Amino acid sequence: MKIDYSKLEKKIEIIFKNRDLLIQSLTHKSFDKKKNNEKIEFLGDRVLGLVIAKKLLEIYPNEKEGILDKKFASLVNKKTCLEIAQNLELEKFVLTFNVKKKNNIIEDKVLADSCEALIGSIYLEKGFLAVEKFILNQWSKHIKDSVITKVDAKTKLQEFSLKKFKKLPVYKLFSNTGPRHKPIFKVGVKLFNTKFYISKGKSKKEAEQNAAVLCLENIS
């Protein structure tokens, strides 16, 4: 089966002078034990981490290291890399032992690893600025939509309460209404010297996060 790598180059908006480097970054060890993407993936993983860490520091200059670490972990994990790989349709370009079969099913881990290897090959081919542009473009939605932002609200509130009052915030479920397939939870949270700050959510967990956000907004 002949693979047209120019289609991938068009998708990522990068033309490789060294086409062999691009092909190697998408070659799994099951296809070629010697010339595969393992080492390029190792490099790509580090480059991805550097770019994302740098971007998080720019966006959140006053955030605590622990919170940044959670955001970072959610953006560079295999699940996110898999989503990027699927968006780029890397399964059409990755070489594995069963590439000649009509039903070429590629494992999620292989796709996620290939995404990191592609990053490594872009860095080697075009340098840091080019790979930074590629990563920030592909990860932009994930950076904006990171769910860790909401999770941080409970963490921040807990840290504040323990530091100031040596006590944990108190959460209380006020109501659970609506049909079973579409419930609405109303939850309140209070600190040692405050009233309950009440908010709603589609789940108890979401309602707690929203209540924590509201509480933080009122005590800060």
N, C-alpha and C. Protein backbone atom coordinates (compact mmCIF):
# COMPACT_ATOMS: atom_id res chain seq x y z
N MET A 1 0.85 -1.20 0.00
CA MET A 1 0.00 0.00 0.00
C MET A 1 0.88 1.25 0.00
N LYS A 2 0.68 2.11 -0.97
CA LYS A 2 1.48 3.34 -1.09
C LYS A 2 0.84 4.44 -0.24
N ILE A 3 1.62 5.08 0.59
CA ILE A 3 1.13 6.15 1.47
C ILE A 3 1.55 7.50 0.92
N ASP A 4 0.59 8.39 0.79
CA ASP A 4 0.87 9.74 0.27
C ASP A 4 1.10 10.69 1.45
N TYR A 5 2.37 10.86 1.82
CA TYR A 5 2.71 11.68 2.98
C TYR A 5 2.50 13.18 2.72
N SER A 6 2.37 13.54 1.45
CA SER A 6 2.13 14.95 1.14
C SER A 6 0.79 15.42 1.69
N LYS A 7 -0.15 14.49 1.84
CA LYS A 7 -1.46 14.83 2.40
C LYS A 7 -1.31 15.22 3.88
N LEU A 8 -0.43 14.51 4.58
CA LEU A 8 -0.17 14.85 5.98
C LEU A 8 0.57 16.18 6.07
N GLU A 9 1.54 16.39 5.19
CA GLU A 9 2.29 17.65 5.18
C GLU A 9 1.35 18.83 4.95
N LYS A 10 0.38 18.63 4.08
CA LYS A 10 -0.60 19.69 3.81
C LYS A 10 -1.46 19.95 5.04
N LYS A 11 -1.81 18.87 5.75
CA LYS A 11 -2.65 18.99 6.94
C LYS A 11 -1.93 19.72 8.08
N ILE A 12 -0.63 19.42 8.25
CA ILE A 12 0.13 20.05 9.33
C ILE A 12 0.82 21.34 8.88
N GLU A 13 0.70 21.64 7.59
CA GLU A 13 1.27 22.86 7.00
C GLU A 13 2.78 22.93 7.15
N ILE A 14 3.43 21.79 7.00
CA ILE A 14 4.90 21.71 7.08
C ILE A 14 5.39 20.76 5.99
N ILE A 15 6.29 21.24 5.15
CA ILE A 15 6.87 20.42 4.10
C ILE A 15 8.26 19.96 4.55
N PHE A 16 8.49 18.66 4.54
CA PHE A 16 9.77 18.10 4.98
C PHE A 16 10.75 18.01 3.82
N LYS A 17 11.90 18.60 3.99
CA LYS A 17 12.99 18.39 3.02
C LYS A 17 13.52 16.97 3.18
N ASN A 18 13.58 16.53 4.44
CA ASN A 18 14.02 15.17 4.74
C ASN A 18 12.78 14.29 4.93
N ARG A 19 12.22 13.79 3.84
CA ARG A 19 11.01 12.98 3.90
C ARG A 19 11.24 11.68 4.69
N ASP A 20 12.46 11.16 4.65
CA ASP A 20 12.77 9.94 5.39
C ASP A 20 12.58 10.13 6.90
N LEU A 21 12.86 11.34 7.37
CA LEU A 21 12.69 11.65 8.80
C LEU A 21 11.21 11.59 9.17
N LEU A 22 10.37 12.15 8.33
CA LEU A 22 8.92 12.11 8.57
C LEU A 22 8.42 10.67 8.58
N ILE A 23 8.87 9.89 7.60
CA ILE A 23 8.44 8.49 7.51
C ILE A 23 8.90 7.70 8.74
N GLN A 24 10.14 7.94 9.16
CA GLN A 24 10.65 7.22 10.34
C GLN A 24 9.85 7.57 11.60
N SER A 25 9.42 8.82 11.70
CA SER A 25 8.65 9.24 12.89
C SER A 25 7.29 8.56 12.95
N LEU A 26 6.86 7.99 11.84
CA LEU A 26 5.56 7.31 11.78
C LEU A 26 5.72 5.80 11.56
N THR A 27 6.93 5.31 11.83
CA THR A 27 7.22 3.89 11.66
C THR A 27 7.33 3.20 13.01
N HIS A 28 6.44 2.26 13.27
CA HIS A 28 6.44 1.53 14.54
C HIS A 28 7.49 0.42 14.51
N LYS A 29 7.98 0.07 15.66
CA LYS A 29 9.05 -0.94 15.75
C LYS A 29 8.60 -2.30 15.22
N SER A 30 7.29 -2.55 15.18
CA SER A 30 6.79 -3.82 14.65
C SER A 30 7.00 -3.90 13.14
N PHE A 31 7.15 -2.74 12.50
CA PHE A 31 7.37 -2.68 11.05
C PHE A 31 8.86 -2.71 10.73
N ASP A 32 9.66 -2.03 11.55
CA ASP A 32 11.10 -1.98 11.32
C ASP A 32 11.79 -1.89 12.69
N LYS A 33 12.47 -2.96 13.08
CA LYS A 33 13.09 -3.02 14.41
C LYS A 33 14.26 -2.06 14.58
N LYS A 34 14.89 -1.68 13.47
CA LYS A 34 16.06 -0.81 13.55
C LYS A 34 15.72 0.66 13.30
N LYS A 35 15.02 0.92 12.21
CA LYS A 35 14.72 2.31 11.84
C LYS A 35 13.25 2.61 12.13
N ASN A 36 12.99 2.92 13.41
CA ASN A 36 11.62 3.21 13.83
C ASN A 36 11.57 4.51 14.63
N ASN A 37 10.41 4.79 15.20
CA ASN A 37 10.20 6.11 15.81
C ASN A 37 10.44 6.18 17.32
N GLU A 38 10.99 5.15 17.93
CA GLU A 38 11.11 5.14 19.40
C GLU A 38 11.95 6.32 19.92
N LYS A 39 13.10 6.55 19.36
CA LYS A 39 13.97 7.63 19.85
C LYS A 39 13.41 9.01 19.50
N ILE A 40 12.77 9.11 18.33
CA ILE A 40 12.17 10.39 17.95
C ILE A 40 10.98 10.70 18.85
N GLU A 41 10.26 9.66 19.24
CA GLU A 41 9.15 9.83 20.19
C GLU A 41 9.67 10.33 21.53
N PHE A 42 10.79 9.76 21.99
CA PHE A 42 11.43 10.19 23.23
C PHE A 42 11.72 11.69 23.19
N LEU A 43 12.25 12.15 22.07
CA LEU A 43 12.55 13.57 21.89
C LEU A 43 11.26 14.39 21.84
N GLY A 44 10.29 13.92 21.07
CA GLY A 44 9.03 14.65 20.91
C GLY A 44 8.28 14.84 22.21
N ASP A 45 8.34 13.84 23.07
CA ASP A 45 7.69 13.91 24.38
C ASP A 45 8.28 15.07 25.19
N ARG A 46 9.60 15.22 25.14
CA ARG A 46 10.27 16.31 25.89
C ARG A 46 9.99 17.66 25.27
N VAL A 47 9.94 17.72 23.95
CA VAL A 47 9.65 18.99 23.27
C VAL A 47 8.23 19.43 23.57
N LEU A 48 7.29 18.50 23.52
CA LEU A 48 5.90 18.80 23.85
C LEU A 48 5.80 19.34 25.27
N GLY A 49 6.48 18.69 26.21
CA GLY A 49 6.45 19.14 27.59
C GLY A 49 7.00 20.54 27.76
N LEU A 50 8.08 20.85 27.07
CA LEU A 50 8.68 22.18 27.16
C LEU A 50 7.74 23.25 26.62
N VAL A 51 7.14 23.00 25.47
CA VAL A 51 6.25 23.98 24.85
C VAL A 51 5.02 24.23 25.72
N ILE A 52 4.41 23.15 26.22
CA ILE A 52 3.21 23.30 27.05
C ILE A 52 3.53 23.98 28.37
N ALA A 53 4.64 23.60 29.00
CA ALA A 53 5.04 24.22 30.27
C ALA A 53 5.29 25.72 30.07
N LYS A 54 5.95 26.07 29.01
CA LYS A 54 6.24 27.48 28.69
C LYS A 54 4.93 28.25 28.50
N LYS A 55 3.98 27.65 27.77
CA LYS A 55 2.70 28.32 27.51
C LYS A 55 1.89 28.49 28.79
N LEU A 56 1.89 27.50 29.66
CA LEU A 56 1.15 27.60 30.92
C LEU A 56 1.71 28.71 31.81
N LEU A 57 3.02 28.85 31.82
CA LEU A 57 3.63 29.93 32.61
C LEU A 57 3.25 31.30 32.06
N GLU A 58 3.08 31.39 30.74
CA GLU A 58 2.66 32.66 30.13
C GLU A 58 1.21 32.97 30.47
N ILE A 59 0.35 31.95 30.46
CA ILE A 59 -1.08 32.15 30.72
C ILE A 59 -1.35 32.37 32.20
N TYR A 60 -0.66 31.61 33.05
CA TYR A 60 -0.91 31.65 34.49
C TYR A 60 0.37 32.03 35.26
N PRO A 61 0.85 33.25 35.12
CA PRO A 61 2.12 33.64 35.76
C PRO A 61 2.07 33.64 37.30
N ASN A 62 0.87 33.75 37.86
CA ASN A 62 0.75 33.83 39.33
C ASN A 62 0.20 32.55 39.95
N GLU A 63 0.02 31.51 39.13
CA GLU A 63 -0.55 30.26 39.63
C GLU A 63 0.48 29.44 40.40
N LYS A 64 -0.01 28.65 41.36
CA LYS A 64 0.88 27.80 42.16
C LYS A 64 1.38 26.63 41.32
N GLU A 65 2.56 26.14 41.68
CA GLU A 65 3.19 25.06 40.92
C GLU A 65 2.32 23.81 40.90
N GLY A 66 1.66 23.51 42.00
CA GLY A 66 0.82 22.32 42.07
C GLY A 66 -0.34 22.36 41.09
N ILE A 67 -0.94 23.53 40.93
CA ILE A 67 -2.05 23.69 40.00
C ILE A 67 -1.53 23.61 38.56
N LEU A 68 -0.39 24.24 38.30
CA LEU A 68 0.20 24.19 36.97
C LEU A 68 0.53 22.74 36.58
N ASP A 69 0.98 21.98 37.57
CA ASP A 69 1.33 20.59 37.32
C ASP A 69 0.11 19.79 36.88
N LYS A 70 -1.05 20.05 37.49
CA LYS A 70 -2.27 19.35 37.12
C LYS A 70 -2.70 19.73 35.70
N LYS A 71 -2.62 21.01 35.40
CA LYS A 71 -2.96 21.46 34.05
C LYS A 71 -2.03 20.83 33.02
N PHE A 72 -0.74 20.82 33.36
CA PHE A 72 0.28 20.26 32.47
C PHE A 72 -0.01 18.79 32.19
N ALA A 73 -0.28 18.03 33.26
CA ALA A 73 -0.52 16.59 33.12
C ALA A 73 -1.72 16.30 32.22
N SER A 74 -2.73 17.14 32.29
CA SER A 74 -3.94 16.91 31.48
C SER A 74 -3.70 17.22 30.00
N LEU A 75 -2.67 18.00 29.70
CA LEU A 75 -2.42 18.43 28.33
C LEU A 75 -1.38 17.58 27.59
N VAL A 76 -0.52 16.89 28.32
CA VAL A 76 0.54 16.13 27.66
C VAL A 76 0.36 14.62 27.81
N ASN A 77 -0.75 14.18 28.39
CA ASN A 77 -0.93 12.74 28.59
C ASN A 77 -1.26 12.03 27.28
N LYS A 78 -1.26 10.71 27.32
CA LYS A 78 -1.48 9.90 26.12
C LYS A 78 -2.87 10.10 25.54
N LYS A 79 -3.85 10.36 26.40
CA LYS A 79 -5.22 10.55 25.91
C LYS A 79 -5.30 11.78 25.01
N THR A 80 -4.68 12.88 25.43
CA THR A 80 -4.70 14.10 24.61
C THR A 80 -3.90 13.89 23.33
N CYS A 81 -2.75 13.23 23.43
CA CYS A 81 -1.95 12.96 22.24
C CYS A 81 -2.72 12.09 21.25
N LEU A 82 -3.50 11.16 21.78
CA LEU A 82 -4.32 10.30 20.91
C LEU A 82 -5.36 11.14 20.17
N GLU A 83 -5.99 12.07 20.87
CA GLU A 83 -7.00 12.92 20.24
C GLU A 83 -6.38 13.76 19.11
N ILE A 84 -5.18 14.28 19.36
CA ILE A 84 -4.48 15.06 18.33
C ILE A 84 -4.17 14.16 17.14
N ALA A 85 -3.69 12.95 17.42
CA ALA A 85 -3.35 11.99 16.36
C ALA A 85 -4.57 11.66 15.51
N GLN A 86 -5.70 11.48 16.17
CA GLN A 86 -6.94 11.16 15.46
C GLN A 86 -7.42 12.35 14.63
N ASN A 87 -7.26 13.55 15.16
CA ASN A 87 -7.63 14.75 14.41
C ASN A 87 -6.79 14.89 13.13
N LEU A 88 -5.53 14.47 13.24
CA LEU A 88 -4.62 14.54 12.09
C LEU A 88 -4.73 13.30 11.19
N GLU A 89 -5.55 12.34 11.64
CA GLU A 89 -5.74 11.08 10.91
C GLU A 89 -4.42 10.35 10.69
N LEU A 90 -3.61 10.31 11.74
CA LEU A 90 -2.30 9.67 11.63
C LEU A 90 -2.40 8.18 11.32
N GLU A 91 -3.54 7.57 11.62
CA GLU A 91 -3.71 6.14 11.35
C GLU A 91 -3.54 5.83 9.85
N LYS A 92 -3.70 6.83 9.01
CA LYS A 92 -3.54 6.64 7.56
C LYS A 92 -2.07 6.64 7.14
N PHE A 93 -1.20 7.09 8.06
CA PHE A 93 0.21 7.27 7.70
C PHE A 93 1.18 6.42 8.52
N VAL A 94 0.71 5.85 9.62
CA VAL A 94 1.59 5.07 10.50
C VAL A 94 1.86 3.69 9.89
N LEU A 95 3.13 3.29 9.92
CA LEU A 95 3.54 1.98 9.41
C LEU A 95 3.65 0.99 10.57
N THR A 96 2.88 -0.09 10.49
CA THR A 96 2.95 -1.16 11.49
C THR A 96 3.07 -2.49 10.75
N PHE A 97 3.20 -3.57 11.51
CA PHE A 97 3.41 -4.89 10.89
C PHE A 97 2.25 -5.30 10.00
N ASN A 98 1.03 -4.78 10.28
CA ASN A 98 -0.14 -5.19 9.52
C ASN A 98 -0.59 -4.12 8.52
N VAL A 99 0.33 -3.25 8.11
CA VAL A 99 -0.02 -2.14 7.23
C VAL A 99 -0.56 -2.60 5.88
N LYS A 100 -0.19 -3.80 5.44
CA LYS A 100 -0.64 -4.29 4.13
C LYS A 100 -2.06 -4.87 4.18
N LYS A 101 -2.57 -5.08 5.39
CA LYS A 101 -3.92 -5.61 5.51
C LYS A 101 -4.95 -4.52 5.25
N LYS A 102 -6.08 -4.92 4.70
CA LYS A 102 -7.16 -3.96 4.42
C LYS A 102 -7.69 -3.37 5.71
N ASN A 103 -7.84 -4.21 6.73
CA ASN A 103 -8.35 -3.75 8.03
C ASN A 103 -7.17 -3.45 8.94
N ASN A 104 -6.50 -2.33 8.70
CA ASN A 104 -5.29 -1.98 9.44
C ASN A 104 -5.66 -1.25 10.73
N ILE A 105 -5.95 -1.99 11.78
CA ILE A 105 -6.34 -1.40 13.05
C ILE A 105 -5.07 -1.10 13.87
N ILE A 106 -4.91 0.17 14.20
CA ILE A 106 -3.72 0.60 14.95
C ILE A 106 -4.10 0.91 16.39
N GLU A 107 -3.35 0.38 17.32
CA GLU A 107 -3.65 0.57 18.75
C GLU A 107 -3.55 2.04 19.13
N ASP A 108 -4.35 2.43 20.12
CA ASP A 108 -4.37 3.82 20.58
C ASP A 108 -2.99 4.29 21.04
N LYS A 109 -2.28 3.41 21.76
CA LYS A 109 -0.96 3.79 22.27
C LYS A 109 0.01 4.07 21.12
N VAL A 110 -0.07 3.27 20.07
CA VAL A 110 0.81 3.47 18.91
C VAL A 110 0.52 4.81 18.26
N LEU A 111 -0.75 5.17 18.16
CA LEU A 111 -1.12 6.46 17.57
C LEU A 111 -0.63 7.62 18.44
N ALA A 112 -0.84 7.50 19.76
CA ALA A 112 -0.41 8.56 20.68
C ALA A 112 1.11 8.74 20.63
N ASP A 113 1.82 7.63 20.61
CA ASP A 113 3.29 7.67 20.52
C ASP A 113 3.73 8.29 19.19
N SER A 114 3.01 7.98 18.13
CA SER A 114 3.35 8.52 16.80
C SER A 114 3.15 10.03 16.76
N CYS A 115 2.18 10.51 17.51
CA CYS A 115 1.96 11.95 17.60
C CYS A 115 3.17 12.63 18.22
N GLU A 116 3.70 12.05 19.29
CA GLU A 116 4.89 12.60 19.94
C GLU A 116 6.10 12.50 19.02
N ALA A 117 6.19 11.40 18.27
CA ALA A 117 7.30 11.23 17.34
C ALA A 117 7.23 12.25 16.20
N LEU A 118 6.02 12.54 15.76
CA LEU A 118 5.83 13.56 14.72
C LEU A 118 6.33 14.91 15.23
N ILE A 119 6.04 15.22 16.48
CA ILE A 119 6.54 16.45 17.09
C ILE A 119 8.06 16.46 17.09
N GLY A 120 8.66 15.33 17.44
CA GLY A 120 10.12 15.23 17.45
C GLY A 120 10.70 15.45 16.06
N SER A 121 10.04 14.92 15.04
CA SER A 121 10.56 15.07 13.68
C SER A 121 10.42 16.51 13.19
N ILE A 122 9.35 17.19 13.58
CA ILE A 122 9.18 18.60 13.20
C ILE A 122 10.28 19.45 13.83
N TYR A 123 10.59 19.14 15.09
CA TYR A 123 11.66 19.87 15.79
C TYR A 123 13.00 19.67 15.07
N LEU A 124 13.29 18.42 14.72
CA LEU A 124 14.57 18.13 14.05
C LEU A 124 14.63 18.75 12.66
N GLU A 125 13.50 18.80 11.99
CA GLU A 125 13.45 19.32 10.62
C GLU A 125 13.43 20.84 10.56
N LYS A 126 12.61 21.47 11.44
CA LYS A 126 12.37 22.91 11.31
C LYS A 126 12.80 23.75 12.51
N GLY A 127 13.13 23.12 13.64
CA GLY A 127 13.56 23.88 14.80
C GLY A 127 12.44 24.18 15.78
N PHE A 128 12.81 24.87 16.87
CA PHE A 128 11.88 25.06 17.99
C PHE A 128 10.68 25.94 17.64
N LEU A 129 10.88 27.05 16.98
CA LEU A 129 9.78 27.97 16.69
C LEU A 129 8.69 27.31 15.85
N ALA A 130 9.12 26.50 14.89
CA ALA A 130 8.16 25.82 14.03
C ALA A 130 7.37 24.77 14.80
N VAL A 131 8.05 24.00 15.64
CA VAL A 131 7.35 22.97 16.40
C VAL A 131 6.48 23.59 17.49
N GLU A 132 6.90 24.71 18.04
CA GLU A 132 6.08 25.42 19.02
C GLU A 132 4.78 25.89 18.38
N LYS A 133 4.87 26.44 17.18
CA LYS A 133 3.69 26.90 16.44
C LYS A 133 2.74 25.74 16.16
N PHE A 134 3.31 24.61 15.76
CA PHE A 134 2.51 23.42 15.47
C PHE A 134 1.77 22.94 16.71
N ILE A 135 2.49 22.82 17.82
CA ILE A 135 1.89 22.31 19.06
C ILE A 135 0.79 23.25 19.57
N LEU A 136 1.07 24.54 19.61
CA LEU A 136 0.08 25.48 20.14
C LEU A 136 -1.15 25.54 19.24
N ASN A 137 -0.97 25.32 17.95
CA ASN A 137 -2.09 25.29 17.03
C ASN A 137 -2.95 24.04 17.27
N GLN A 138 -2.29 22.89 17.38
CA GLN A 138 -3.02 21.63 17.56
C GLN A 138 -3.62 21.49 18.97
N TRP A 139 -2.97 22.08 19.95
CA TRP A 139 -3.42 21.94 21.35
C TRP A 139 -4.28 23.14 21.81
N SER A 140 -4.55 24.09 20.94
CA SER A 140 -5.22 25.33 21.37
C SER A 140 -6.56 25.06 22.06
N LYS A 141 -7.36 24.18 21.49
CA LYS A 141 -8.67 23.89 22.08
C LYS A 141 -8.51 23.22 23.45
N HIS A 142 -7.55 22.33 23.55
CA HIS A 142 -7.33 21.63 24.82
C HIS A 142 -6.83 22.60 25.90
N ILE A 143 -6.02 23.55 25.51
CA ILE A 143 -5.53 24.54 26.47
C ILE A 143 -6.69 25.42 26.96
N LYS A 144 -7.56 25.81 26.05
CA LYS A 144 -8.70 26.67 26.41
C LYS A 144 -9.76 25.91 27.21
N ASP A 145 -9.99 24.67 26.81
CA ASP A 145 -11.10 23.90 27.39
C ASP A 145 -10.69 22.97 28.51
N SER A 146 -9.47 23.09 28.99
CA SER A 146 -9.00 22.18 30.04
C SER A 146 -9.95 22.16 31.23
N VAL A 147 -10.44 20.98 31.56
CA VAL A 147 -11.40 20.85 32.66
C VAL A 147 -10.75 21.05 34.01
N ILE A 148 -9.43 21.06 34.04
CA ILE A 148 -8.73 21.23 35.31
C ILE A 148 -9.07 22.57 35.95
N THR A 149 -9.45 23.53 35.13
CA THR A 149 -9.79 24.86 35.65
C THR A 149 -10.86 24.77 36.71
N LYS A 150 -11.91 23.98 36.44
CA LYS A 150 -12.99 23.83 37.41
C LYS A 150 -12.55 22.99 38.61
N VAL A 151 -11.80 21.94 38.34
CA VAL A 151 -11.33 21.08 39.42
C VAL A 151 -10.50 21.87 40.41
N ASP A 152 -9.74 22.85 39.89
CA ASP A 152 -8.89 23.65 40.75
C ASP A 152 -9.68 24.44 41.79
N ALA A 153 -10.92 24.76 41.51
CA ALA A 153 -11.71 25.57 42.44
C ALA A 153 -11.83 24.87 43.80
N LYS A 154 -12.13 23.60 43.81
CA LYS A 154 -12.23 22.87 45.08
C LYS A 154 -10.87 22.77 45.76
N THR A 155 -9.84 22.57 44.97
CA THR A 155 -8.48 22.48 45.52
C THR A 155 -8.07 23.81 46.16
N LYS A 156 -8.32 24.89 45.42
CA LYS A 156 -7.97 26.22 45.94
C LYS A 156 -8.73 26.53 47.22
N LEU A 157 -10.03 26.21 47.22
CA LEU A 157 -10.86 26.50 48.40
C LEU A 157 -10.39 25.68 49.60
N GLN A 158 -10.04 24.43 49.35
CA GLN A 158 -9.55 23.57 50.43
C GLN A 158 -8.24 24.11 51.01
N GLU A 159 -7.34 24.51 50.13
CA GLU A 159 -6.05 25.05 50.59
C GLU A 159 -6.26 26.32 51.40
N PHE A 160 -7.16 27.20 50.92
CA PHE A 160 -7.44 28.44 51.62
C PHE A 160 -8.02 28.18 53.01
N SER A 161 -9.01 27.26 53.07
CA SER A 161 -9.68 26.96 54.34
C SER A 161 -8.72 26.34 55.36
N LEU A 162 -7.90 25.42 54.91
CA LEU A 162 -6.95 24.76 55.82
C LEU A 162 -5.90 25.75 56.33
N LYS A 163 -5.47 26.63 55.46
CA LYS A 163 -4.45 27.60 55.84
C LYS A 163 -5.00 28.62 56.83
N LYS A 164 -6.23 29.09 56.59
CA LYS A 164 -6.79 30.16 57.43
C LYS A 164 -7.50 29.65 58.68
N PHE A 165 -8.24 28.53 58.53
CA PHE A 165 -9.07 28.06 59.66
C PHE A 165 -8.66 26.70 60.20
N LYS A 166 -7.71 26.04 59.53
CA LYS A 166 -7.31 24.68 59.92
C LYS A 166 -8.49 23.71 59.85
N LYS A 167 -9.44 24.02 58.99
CA LYS A 167 -10.63 23.18 58.81
C LYS A 167 -10.95 23.04 57.32
N LEU A 168 -11.55 21.92 56.95
CA LEU A 168 -11.95 21.70 55.57
C LEU A 168 -13.27 22.41 55.27
N PRO A 169 -13.50 22.80 54.01
CA PRO A 169 -14.81 23.36 53.63
C PRO A 169 -15.90 22.31 53.85
N VAL A 170 -17.10 22.78 54.14
CA VAL A 170 -18.23 21.87 54.35
C VAL A 170 -19.17 21.96 53.15
N TYR A 171 -19.41 20.82 52.50
CA TYR A 171 -20.32 20.77 51.35
C TYR A 171 -21.63 20.12 51.78
N LYS A 172 -22.73 20.66 51.27
CA LYS A 172 -24.05 20.12 51.62
C LYS A 172 -24.93 20.03 50.37
N LEU A 173 -25.54 18.86 50.16
CA LEU A 173 -26.47 18.67 49.05
C LEU A 173 -27.84 19.19 49.47
N PHE A 174 -28.32 20.22 48.80
CA PHE A 174 -29.61 20.82 49.14
C PHE A 174 -30.77 20.16 48.40
N SER A 175 -30.55 19.79 47.15
CA SER A 175 -31.63 19.14 46.40
C SER A 175 -31.09 18.41 45.19
N ASN A 176 -31.88 17.45 44.73
CA ASN A 176 -31.59 16.69 43.51
C ASN A 176 -32.90 16.56 42.76
N THR A 177 -33.10 17.40 41.76
CA THR A 177 -34.37 17.47 41.06
C THR A 177 -34.21 17.12 39.58
N GLY A 178 -35.33 17.05 38.88
CA GLY A 178 -35.31 16.76 37.46
C GLY A 178 -35.38 15.26 37.19
N PRO A 179 -35.59 14.87 35.94
CA PRO A 179 -35.66 13.44 35.58
C PRO A 179 -34.32 12.75 35.77
N ARG A 180 -34.35 11.42 35.87
CA ARG A 180 -33.14 10.65 36.13
C ARG A 180 -32.08 10.85 35.05
N HIS A 181 -32.51 11.01 33.80
CA HIS A 181 -31.53 11.16 32.71
C HIS A 181 -31.00 12.59 32.59
N LYS A 182 -31.64 13.53 33.32
CA LYS A 182 -31.20 14.92 33.25
C LYS A 182 -31.38 15.60 34.61
N PRO A 183 -30.66 15.15 35.61
CA PRO A 183 -30.84 15.70 36.97
C PRO A 183 -30.19 17.06 37.15
N ILE A 184 -30.69 17.78 38.14
CA ILE A 184 -30.09 19.05 38.53
C ILE A 184 -29.77 18.97 40.02
N PHE A 185 -28.48 19.11 40.35
CA PHE A 185 -28.06 19.06 41.75
C PHE A 185 -27.82 20.48 42.26
N LYS A 186 -28.30 20.74 43.47
CA LYS A 186 -28.05 22.03 44.11
C LYS A 186 -27.19 21.75 45.35
N VAL A 187 -25.98 22.30 45.34
CA VAL A 187 -25.03 22.04 46.42
C VAL A 187 -24.52 23.37 46.98
N GLY A 188 -24.31 23.38 48.29
CA GLY A 188 -23.75 24.55 48.94
C GLY A 188 -22.43 24.22 49.61
N VAL A 189 -21.58 25.24 49.77
CA VAL A 189 -20.32 25.06 50.48
C VAL A 189 -20.13 26.24 51.41
N LYS A 190 -19.61 25.96 52.61
CA LYS A 190 -19.33 27.04 53.55
C LYS A 190 -17.99 26.79 54.22
N LEU A 191 -17.37 27.88 54.62
CA LEU A 191 -16.15 27.80 55.40
C LEU A 191 -16.50 28.03 56.86
N PHE A 192 -15.47 28.09 57.70
CA PHE A 192 -15.69 28.18 59.15
C PHE A 192 -16.54 29.40 59.55
N ASN A 193 -16.37 30.51 58.85
CA ASN A 193 -17.06 31.74 59.27
C ASN A 193 -17.95 32.33 58.17
N THR A 194 -18.40 31.50 57.22
CA THR A 194 -19.21 32.03 56.13
C THR A 194 -20.58 31.35 56.06
N LYS A 195 -21.45 31.94 55.27
CA LYS A 195 -22.74 31.32 54.96
C LYS A 195 -22.50 30.26 53.88
N PHE A 196 -23.55 29.52 53.53
CA PHE A 196 -23.44 28.58 52.42
C PHE A 196 -23.52 29.33 51.09
N TYR A 197 -22.59 29.03 50.21
CA TYR A 197 -22.64 29.55 48.84
C TYR A 197 -23.17 28.43 47.98
N ILE A 198 -24.33 28.65 47.38
CA ILE A 198 -25.06 27.58 46.70
C ILE A 198 -25.01 27.73 45.18
N SER A 199 -24.80 26.60 44.50
CA SER A 199 -24.78 26.59 43.05
C SER A 199 -25.36 25.28 42.53
N LYS A 200 -25.57 25.21 41.23
CA LYS A 200 -26.19 24.04 40.61
C LYS A 200 -25.23 23.37 39.62
N GLY A 201 -25.55 22.12 39.27
CA GLY A 201 -24.76 21.40 38.28
C GLY A 201 -25.49 20.16 37.80
N LYS A 202 -25.01 19.59 36.69
CA LYS A 202 -25.64 18.40 36.13
C LYS A 202 -25.26 17.14 36.91
N SER A 203 -24.27 17.26 37.77
CA SER A 203 -23.87 16.18 38.67
C SER A 203 -23.52 16.81 40.02
N LYS A 204 -23.44 15.97 41.04
CA LYS A 204 -23.08 16.48 42.36
C LYS A 204 -21.67 17.08 42.33
N LYS A 205 -20.78 16.40 41.62
CA LYS A 205 -19.40 16.87 41.52
C LYS A 205 -19.32 18.22 40.83
N GLU A 206 -20.07 18.39 39.75
CA GLU A 206 -20.07 19.66 39.02
C GLU A 206 -20.66 20.77 39.88
N ALA A 207 -21.72 20.45 40.62
CA ALA A 207 -22.34 21.45 41.49
C ALA A 207 -21.38 21.88 42.60
N GLU A 208 -20.61 20.93 43.13
CA GLU A 208 -19.62 21.26 44.15
C GLU A 208 -18.56 22.20 43.60
N GLN A 209 -18.11 21.90 42.38
CA GLN A 209 -17.11 22.76 41.75
C GLN A 209 -17.65 24.17 41.54
N ASN A 210 -18.88 24.27 41.07
CA ASN A 210 -19.49 25.57 40.82
C ASN A 210 -19.70 26.35 42.12
N ALA A 211 -20.05 25.63 43.18
CA ALA A 211 -20.22 26.26 44.49
C ALA A 211 -18.88 26.77 45.02
N ALA A 212 -17.83 25.99 44.79
CA ALA A 212 -16.49 26.38 45.22
C ALA A 212 -16.04 27.64 44.49
N VAL A 213 -16.33 27.71 43.18
CA VAL A 213 -16.00 28.90 42.38
C VAL A 213 -16.70 30.12 42.96
N LEU A 214 -18.00 29.97 43.26
CA LEU A 214 -18.79 31.07 43.81
C LEU A 214 -18.24 31.52 45.16
N CYS A 215 -17.87 30.57 46.00
CA CYS A 215 -17.32 30.89 47.31
C CYS A 215 -16.01 31.65 47.16
N LEU A 216 -15.14 31.17 46.28
CA LEU A 216 -13.85 31.85 46.07
C LEU A 216 -14.03 33.27 45.57
N GLU A 217 -15.01 33.47 44.70
CA GLU A 217 -15.27 34.79 44.17
C GLU A 217 -15.71 35.77 45.28
N ASN A 218 -16.39 35.25 46.29
CA ASN A 218 -16.92 36.10 47.34
C ASN A 218 -15.97 36.32 48.50
N ILE A 219 -15.00 35.43 48.67
CA ILE A 219 -14.08 35.61 49.81
C ILE A 219 -12.77 36.27 49.37
N SER A 220 -12.53 36.37 48.06
CA SER A 220 -11.26 36.93 47.60
C SER A 220 -11.36 38.45 47.48
